[in-house]
Amino acid sequence: MRAFIDFEASSLGPHGYPIEVAWVFEDGRSASFLIAPIDGWTDWNPAAERAHGISRAQLAREGVAAPLVARHLVDELAGHQVLTSAPSWDARWMSRLLCAGGLPPCAVRVADTDAALLELAAALLAPALPSSQVHRASRQIMASAGDRFVGRRRAHRPLADAELERDRWLTVCRLARAYAGLSTDDRAARPPAASREANLFLHPRVYPRTSLDRPGAEWRAS
């Protein structure tokens, strides 16, 4: 299954570190954690704090130990395709978080959402169109999907921004299926509830979801 991930960091400098992470699966299950810094994580940019609104005091009060977050992230995401809108930055924060937990930095890899969206559209269109038309139609679908998110700004909080990536994925999927003449009905079983251990031992900020978004209108070229 695919998952969509996002991080916030203390700064974008060479010594910045992750302070919050969230991920959302295709079926809507999600989790979000503030990350308590480990020894040596001291770099802090006030401009970054103004963007995300997370203070050092909040991290000290509500943050989960970085090694615990790292282990839970690997338990949840290893073996899944993990997508992000900022792969170079989020790969850096992922690596630092995993290293803080004594885990291999490649235990979970991230890929670019936009590239995966283009591949998704092409894969859905390929059975219905001549090969010479697939690339152009895929680009058309990407443009139409982008139009639907004009004005929806990123929140600079990982859960909201990861959910935005999931919404983009579902939109491209529905548009491509409609273009190809396939059903656009999203049906998802109720996802398994978060474990009691995860809720009590890690952090209360775990947000299970119960269903996928409802499908939008039929395909209309932009």
C-alpha atoms as a PDB file:
ATOM      1  CA  MET A   1       0.000   0.000   0.000  1.00  0.00           C
ATOM      2  CA  ARG A   2       1.115   3.562  -0.610  1.00  0.00           C
ATOM      3  CA  ALA A   3       1.655   6.042   2.196  1.00  0.00           C
ATOM      4  CA  PHE A   4       2.160   9.802   2.060  1.00  0.00           C
ATOM      5  CA  ILE A   5       4.604  11.377   4.499  1.00  0.00           C
ATOM      6  CA  ASP A   6       5.653  14.852   5.539  1.00  0.00           C
ATOM      7  CA  PHE A   7       8.120  16.346   8.024  1.00  0.00           C
ATOM      8  CA  GLU A   8       8.694  19.691   9.687  1.00  0.00           C
ATOM      9  CA  ALA A   9      12.185  20.625  10.793  1.00  0.00           C
ATOM     10  CA  SER A  10      13.930  22.938  13.219  1.00  0.00           C
ATOM     11  CA  SER A  11      15.681  24.688  10.335  1.00  0.00           C
ATOM     12  CA  LEU A  12      16.781  24.109   6.767  1.00  0.00           C
ATOM     13  CA  GLY A  13      20.420  24.553   7.696  1.00  0.00           C
ATOM     14  CA  PRO A  14      23.024  21.793   7.688  1.00  0.00           C
ATOM     15  CA  HIS A  15      22.364  21.023  11.362  1.00  0.00           C
ATOM     16  CA  GLY A  16      18.568  21.094  11.226  1.00  0.00           C
ATOM     17  CA  TYR A  17      16.615  18.125  12.555  1.00  0.00           C
ATOM     18  CA  PRO A  18      13.050  16.758  12.297  1.00  0.00           C
ATOM     19  CA  ILE A  19      10.585  18.034  14.890  1.00  0.00           C
ATOM     20  CA  GLU A  20       7.315  16.550  13.567  1.00  0.00           C
ATOM     21  CA  VAL A  21       6.346  13.730  11.217  1.00  0.00           C
ATOM     22  CA  ALA A  22       3.022  12.406   9.933  1.00  0.00           C
ATOM     23  CA  TRP A  23       1.975   9.829   7.393  1.00  0.00           C
ATOM     24  CA  VAL A  24      -1.324   8.853   5.799  1.00  0.00           C
ATOM     25  CA  PHE A  25      -2.055   5.581   4.035  1.00  0.00           C
ATOM     26  CA  GLU A  26      -4.240   5.346   0.939  1.00  0.00           C
ATOM     27  CA  ASP A  27      -7.050   3.893   3.052  1.00  0.00           C
ATOM     28  CA  GLY A  28      -6.976   6.945   5.339  1.00  0.00           C
ATOM     29  CA  ARG A  29      -5.172   5.536   8.371  1.00  0.00           C
ATOM     30  CA  SER A  30      -2.768   8.128   9.706  1.00  0.00           C
ATOM     31  CA  ALA A  31      -0.428   8.991  12.547  1.00  0.00           C
ATOM     32  CA  SER A  32       1.323  12.158  13.657  1.00  0.00           C
ATOM     33  CA  PHE A  33       4.127  12.690  16.181  1.00  0.00           C
ATOM     34  CA  LEU A  34       5.981  15.632  17.613  1.00  0.00           C
ATOM     35  CA  ILE A  35       9.614  14.567  18.000  1.00  0.00           C
ATOM     36  CA  ALA A  36      11.620  15.353  21.136  1.00  0.00           C
ATOM     37  CA  PRO A  37      15.194  16.265  20.085  1.00  0.00           C
ATOM     38  CA  ILE A  38      18.093  14.026  21.062  1.00  0.00           C
ATOM     39  CA  ASP A  39      21.375  15.303  22.481  1.00  0.00           C
ATOM     40  CA  GLY A  40      23.195  17.268  19.811  1.00  0.00           C
ATOM     41  CA  TRP A  41      20.040  18.428  18.057  1.00  0.00           C
ATOM     42  CA  THR A  42      20.266  22.109  18.943  1.00  0.00           C
ATOM     43  CA  ASP A  43      19.971  24.118  15.707  1.00  0.00           C
ATOM     44  CA  TRP A  44      16.818  26.281  15.740  1.00  0.00           C
ATOM     45  CA  ASN A  45      15.625  28.863  13.242  1.00  0.00           C
ATOM     46  CA  PRO A  46      13.022  31.378  14.521  1.00  0.00           C
ATOM     47  CA  ALA A  47      11.786  31.886  10.942  1.00  0.00           C
ATOM     48  CA  ALA A  48      11.016  28.170  10.688  1.00  0.00           C
ATOM     49  CA  GLU A  49       9.155  28.345  14.002  1.00  0.00           C
ATOM     50  CA  ARG A  50       7.014  31.183  12.666  1.00  0.00           C
ATOM     51  CA  ALA A  51       6.106  29.005   9.660  1.00  0.00           C
ATOM     52  CA  HIS A  52       5.142  25.811  11.500  1.00  0.00           C
ATOM     53  CA  GLY A  53       4.166  27.334  14.852  1.00  0.00           C
ATOM     54  CA  ILE A  54       5.889  24.662  16.955  1.00  0.00           C
ATOM     55  CA  SER A  55       7.983  25.961  19.846  1.00  0.00           C
ATOM     56  CA  ARG A  56      10.869  24.338  21.663  1.00  0.00           C
ATOM     57  CA  ALA A  57       8.752  24.382  24.808  1.00  0.00           C
ATOM     58  CA  GLN A  58       6.004  22.447  23.036  1.00  0.00           C
ATOM     59  CA  LEU A  59       8.514  19.841  21.848  1.00  0.00           C
ATOM     60  CA  ALA A  60       9.842  19.445  25.377  1.00  0.00           C
ATOM     61  CA  ARG A  61       6.313  19.111  26.731  1.00  0.00           C
ATOM     62  CA  GLU A  62       4.631  16.971  24.053  1.00  0.00           C
ATOM     63  CA  GLY A  63       7.408  15.431  21.967  1.00  0.00           C
ATOM     64  CA  VAL A  64       7.931  11.682  21.748  1.00  0.00           C
ATOM     65  CA  ALA A  65      11.487  10.381  22.054  1.00  0.00           C
ATOM     66  CA  ALA A  66      13.049  10.288  18.586  1.00  0.00           C
ATOM     67  CA  PRO A  67      14.121   6.600  18.834  1.00  0.00           C
ATOM     68  CA  LEU A  68      10.532   5.570  19.627  1.00  0.00           C
ATOM     69  CA  VAL A  69       9.141   7.547  16.699  1.00  0.00           C
ATOM     70  CA  ALA A  70      11.800   6.075  14.408  1.00  0.00           C
ATOM     71  CA  ARG A  71      10.980   2.494  15.374  1.00  0.00           C
ATOM     72  CA  HIS A  72       7.252   3.036  15.022  1.00  0.00           C
ATOM     73  CA  LEU A  73       7.750   4.654  11.612  1.00  0.00           C
ATOM     74  CA  VAL A  74       9.752   1.658  10.372  1.00  0.00           C
ATOM     75  CA  ASP A  75       7.225  -0.796  11.799  1.00  0.00           C
ATOM     76  CA  GLU A  76       4.421   1.013   9.966  1.00  0.00           C
ATOM     77  CA  LEU A  77       6.039   1.998   6.679  1.00  0.00           C
ATOM     78  CA  ALA A  78       8.742  -0.541   5.831  1.00  0.00           C
ATOM     79  CA  GLY A  79       7.746  -2.427   2.699  1.00  0.00           C
ATOM     80  CA  HIS A  80       5.305   0.235   1.503  1.00  0.00           C
ATOM     81  CA  GLN A  81       5.772   2.832  -1.216  1.00  0.00           C
ATOM     82  CA  VAL A  82       6.253   6.103   0.689  1.00  0.00           C
ATOM     83  CA  LEU A  83       5.604   9.313  -1.242  1.00  0.00           C
ATOM     84  CA  THR A  84       6.356  12.947  -0.467  1.00  0.00           C
ATOM     85  CA  SER A  85       6.101  16.303  -2.195  1.00  0.00           C
ATOM     86  CA  ALA A  86       9.673  17.191  -1.146  1.00  0.00           C
ATOM     87  CA  PRO A  87      11.738  14.012  -1.512  1.00  0.00           C
ATOM     88  CA  SER A  88      15.173  15.587  -1.090  1.00  0.00           C
ATOM     89  CA  TRP A  89      14.262  17.361   2.159  1.00  0.00           C
ATOM     90  CA  ASP A  90      12.138  14.589   3.606  1.00  0.00           C
ATOM     91  CA  ALA A  91      14.793  11.984   2.793  1.00  0.00           C
ATOM     92  CA  ARG A  92      17.205  14.072   4.887  1.00  0.00           C
ATOM     93  CA  TRP A  93      14.830  14.270   7.865  1.00  0.00           C
ATOM     94  CA  MET A  94      13.955  10.587   7.503  1.00  0.00           C
ATOM     95  CA  SER A  95      17.628   9.637   7.593  1.00  0.00           C
ATOM     96  CA  ARG A  96      18.307  11.740  10.688  1.00  0.00           C
ATOM     97  CA  LEU A  97      15.311  10.344  12.499  1.00  0.00           C
ATOM     98  CA  LEU A  98      16.182   6.733  11.684  1.00  0.00           C
ATOM     99  CA  CYS A  99      19.810   7.236  12.682  1.00  0.00           C
ATOM    100  CA  ALA A 100      18.603   8.700  15.994  1.00  0.00           C
ATOM    101  CA  GLY A 101      16.825   5.391  16.562  1.00  0.00           C
ATOM    102  CA  GLY A 102      19.886   3.330  15.682  1.00  0.00           C
ATOM    103  CA  LEU A 103      18.215   2.158  12.475  1.00  0.00           C
ATOM    104  CA  PRO A 104      19.621   2.005   8.928  1.00  0.00           C
ATOM    105  CA  PRO A 105      18.890   5.278   7.101  1.00  0.00           C
ATOM    106  CA  CYS A 106      17.623   3.267   4.125  1.00  0.00           C
ATOM    107  CA  ALA A 107      15.100   1.266   6.177  1.00  0.00           C
ATOM    108  CA  VAL A 108      12.357   3.412   4.645  1.00  0.00           C
ATOM    109  CA  ARG A 109      12.865   5.280   1.384  1.00  0.00           C
ATOM    110  CA  VAL A 110      10.789   8.131   0.003  1.00  0.00           C
ATOM    111  CA  ALA A 111       9.852   8.884  -3.597  1.00  0.00           C
ATOM    112  CA  ASP A 112       8.474  11.931  -5.393  1.00  0.00           C
ATOM    113  CA  THR A 113       4.672  12.160  -5.367  1.00  0.00           C
ATOM    114  CA  ASP A 114       4.533  14.014  -8.703  1.00  0.00           C
ATOM    115  CA  ALA A 115       6.542  11.337 -10.506  1.00  0.00           C
ATOM    116  CA  ALA A 116       4.383   8.620  -8.961  1.00  0.00           C
ATOM    117  CA  LEU A 117       1.203  10.472  -9.975  1.00  0.00           C
ATOM    118  CA  LEU A 118       2.328  10.616 -13.587  1.00  0.00           C
ATOM    119  CA  GLU A 119       3.111   6.893 -13.502  1.00  0.00           C
ATOM    120  CA  LEU A 120      -0.301   6.221 -11.942  1.00  0.00           C
ATOM    121  CA  ALA A 121      -2.152   8.118 -14.660  1.00  0.00           C
ATOM    122  CA  ALA A 122      -0.171   6.398 -17.407  1.00  0.00           C
ATOM    123  CA  ALA A 123      -0.767   2.945 -15.918  1.00  0.00           C
ATOM    124  CA  LEU A 124      -4.525   3.524 -15.727  1.00  0.00           C
ATOM    125  CA  LEU A 125      -4.707   4.941 -19.248  1.00  0.00           C
ATOM    126  CA  ALA A 126      -2.440   2.434 -20.992  1.00  0.00           C
ATOM    127  CA  PRO A 127      -5.088  -0.296 -21.467  1.00  0.00           C
ATOM    128  CA  ALA A 128      -7.575   2.198 -22.944  1.00  0.00           C
ATOM    129  CA  LEU A 129      -5.453   4.396 -25.228  1.00  0.00           C
ATOM    130  CA  PRO A 130      -2.906   3.953 -28.010  1.00  0.00           C
ATOM    131  CA  SER A 131       0.580   4.179 -26.564  1.00  0.00           C
ATOM    132  CA  SER A 132       1.238   7.365 -28.543  1.00  0.00           C
ATOM    133  CA  GLN A 133      -1.539   9.150 -26.620  1.00  0.00           C
ATOM    134  CA  VAL A 134      -0.832   8.003 -23.083  1.00  0.00           C
ATOM    135  CA  HIS A 135       1.810  10.590 -22.180  1.00  0.00           C
ATOM    136  CA  ARG A 136      -0.204  13.544 -23.444  1.00  0.00           C
ATOM    137  CA  ALA A 137      -3.375  12.360 -21.722  1.00  0.00           C
ATOM    138  CA  SER A 138      -1.460  11.774 -18.483  1.00  0.00           C
ATOM    139  CA  ARG A 139      -0.158  15.348 -18.578  1.00  0.00           C
ATOM    140  CA  GLN A 140      -3.664  16.616 -19.259  1.00  0.00           C
ATOM    141  CA  ILE A 141      -4.972  14.745 -16.230  1.00  0.00           C
ATOM    142  CA  MET A 142      -2.167  16.107 -14.045  1.00  0.00           C
ATOM    143  CA  ALA A 143      -3.006  19.657 -15.154  1.00  0.00           C
ATOM    144  CA  SER A 144      -6.701  19.173 -14.490  1.00  0.00           C
ATOM    145  CA  ALA A 145      -5.979  17.714 -11.044  1.00  0.00           C
ATOM    146  CA  GLY A 146      -3.671  20.638 -10.280  1.00  0.00           C
ATOM    147  CA  ASP A 147      -6.439  23.093 -11.109  1.00  0.00           C
ATOM    148  CA  ARG A 148      -8.586  21.521  -8.417  1.00  0.00           C
ATOM    149  CA  PHE A 149      -6.012  22.338  -5.751  1.00  0.00           C
ATOM    150  CA  VAL A 150      -5.364  25.956  -6.704  1.00  0.00           C
ATOM    151  CA  GLY A 151      -5.643  28.016  -3.552  1.00  0.00           C
ATOM    152  CA  ARG A 152      -5.175  25.083  -1.189  1.00  0.00           C
ATOM    153  CA  ARG A 153      -1.988  26.111   0.553  1.00  0.00           C
ATOM    154  CA  ARG A 154       0.291  23.866   2.511  1.00  0.00           C
ATOM    155  CA  ALA A 155      -0.240  24.158   6.241  1.00  0.00           C
ATOM    156  CA  HIS A 156       3.386  23.531   7.268  1.00  0.00           C
ATOM    157  CA  ARG A 157       2.060  20.843   9.587  1.00  0.00           C
ATOM    158  CA  PRO A 158       2.832  17.299   8.498  1.00  0.00           C
ATOM    159  CA  LEU A 159      -0.559  15.654   8.986  1.00  0.00           C
ATOM    160  CA  ALA A 160      -2.434  18.260   6.947  1.00  0.00           C
ATOM    161  CA  ASP A 161       0.223  18.287   4.239  1.00  0.00           C
ATOM    162  CA  ALA A 162       0.381  14.484   4.024  1.00  0.00           C
ATOM    163  CA  GLU A 163      -3.414  14.415   3.706  1.00  0.00           C
ATOM    164  CA  LEU A 164      -3.123  16.932   0.878  1.00  0.00           C
ATOM    165  CA  GLU A 165      -0.813  14.534  -0.982  1.00  0.00           C
ATOM    166  CA  ARG A 166      -3.312  11.708  -0.467  1.00  0.00           C
ATOM    167  CA  ASP A 167      -6.113  13.912  -1.789  1.00  0.00           C
ATOM    168  CA  ARG A 168      -4.049  14.679  -4.891  1.00  0.00           C
ATOM    169  CA  TRP A 169      -3.450  10.949  -5.408  1.00  0.00           C
ATOM    170  CA  LEU A 170      -7.139  10.091  -5.150  1.00  0.00           C
ATOM    171  CA  THR A 171      -8.038  12.937  -7.514  1.00  0.00           C
ATOM    172  CA  VAL A 172      -5.603  11.821 -10.220  1.00  0.00           C
ATOM    173  CA  CYS A 173      -6.778   8.247  -9.781  1.00  0.00           C
ATOM    174  CA  ARG A 174     -10.433   9.210 -10.260  1.00  0.00           C
ATOM    175  CA  LEU A 175      -9.728  11.463 -13.247  1.00  0.00           C
ATOM    176  CA  ALA A 176      -7.605   8.839 -14.987  1.00  0.00           C
ATOM    177  CA  ARG A 177     -10.155   6.101 -14.388  1.00  0.00           C
ATOM    178  CA  ALA A 178     -12.954   8.300 -15.711  1.00  0.00           C
ATOM    179  CA  TYR A 179     -10.885   9.210 -18.778  1.00  0.00           C
ATOM    180  CA  ALA A 180     -10.245   5.516 -19.405  1.00  0.00           C
ATOM    181  CA  GLY A 181     -13.927   4.678 -18.962  1.00  0.00           C
ATOM    182  CA  LEU A 182     -13.393   2.781 -15.708  1.00  0.00           C
ATOM    183  CA  SER A 183     -15.428   2.971 -12.524  1.00  0.00           C
ATOM    184  CA  THR A 184     -14.562   5.911 -10.293  1.00  0.00           C
ATOM    185  CA  ASP A 185     -16.286   4.505  -7.205  1.00  0.00           C
ATOM    186  CA  ASP A 186     -13.937   4.425  -4.196  1.00  0.00           C
ATOM    187  CA  ARG A 187     -14.695   1.603  -1.791  1.00  0.00           C
ATOM    188  CA  ALA A 188     -12.601   0.917   1.274  1.00  0.00           C
ATOM    189  CA  ALA A 189     -13.132  -1.388   4.201  1.00  0.00           C
ATOM    190  CA  ARG A 190     -12.821   0.025   7.695  1.00  0.00           C
ATOM    191  CA  PRO A 191      -9.083   0.109   8.450  1.00  0.00           C
ATOM    192  CA  PRO A 192      -7.763  -1.735  11.482  1.00  0.00           C
ATOM    193  CA  ALA A 193      -7.759   0.371  14.619  1.00  0.00           C
ATOM    194  CA  ALA A 194      -4.466   1.630  15.952  1.00  0.00           C
ATOM    195  CA  SER A 195      -3.107  -0.748  18.538  1.00  0.00           C
ATOM    196  CA  ARG A 196      -3.600  -0.015  22.228  1.00  0.00           C
ATOM    197  CA  GLU A 197       0.171  -0.005  22.637  1.00  0.00           C
ATOM    198  CA  ALA A 198       0.596   2.637  19.952  1.00  0.00           C
ATOM    199  CA  ASN A 199      -2.099   4.835  21.508  1.00  0.00           C
ATOM    200  CA  LEU A 200      -0.863   4.590  25.089  1.00  0.00           C
ATOM    201  CA  PHE A 201       2.871   4.088  24.762  1.00  0.00           C
ATOM    202  CA  LEU A 202       3.812   6.357  21.896  1.00  0.00           C
ATOM    203  CA  HIS A 203       1.558   9.357  21.640  1.00  0.00           C
ATOM    204  CA  PRO A 204      -2.154  10.184  21.636  1.00  0.00           C
ATOM    205  CA  ARG A 205      -1.925  11.990  18.293  1.00  0.00           C
ATOM    206  CA  VAL A 206      -2.974   8.985  16.193  1.00  0.00           C
ATOM    207  CA  TYR A 207      -5.834   9.562  13.793  1.00  0.00           C
ATOM    208  CA  PRO A 208      -7.555   6.483  12.288  1.00  0.00           C
ATOM    209  CA  ARG A 209      -9.780   7.085   9.297  1.00  0.00           C
ATOM    210  CA  THR A 210     -12.797   5.038   8.289  1.00  0.00           C
ATOM    211  CA  SER A 211     -13.247   5.538   4.555  1.00  0.00           C
ATOM    212  CA  LEU A 212     -11.850   7.038   1.411  1.00  0.00           C
ATOM    213  CA  ASP A 213     -13.040  10.355   0.076  1.00  0.00           C
ATOM    214  CA  ARG A 214     -16.113  10.152  -2.109  1.00  0.00           C
ATOM    215  CA  PRO A 215     -15.463  10.303  -5.840  1.00  0.00           C
ATOM    216  CA  GLY A 216     -15.723  13.620  -7.627  1.00  0.00           C
ATOM    217  CA  ALA A 217     -17.440  14.454 -10.859  1.00  0.00           C
ATOM    218  CA  GLU A 218     -16.873  12.630 -14.103  1.00  0.00           C
ATOM    219  CA  TRP A 219     -13.787  13.459 -16.122  1.00  0.00           C
ATOM    220  CA  ARG A 220     -13.822  16.899 -17.663  1.00  0.00           C
ATOM    221  CA  ALA A 221     -10.791  18.177 -19.550  1.00  0.00           C
ATOM    222  CA  SER A 222      -9.454  21.468 -18.274  1.00  0.00           C
END
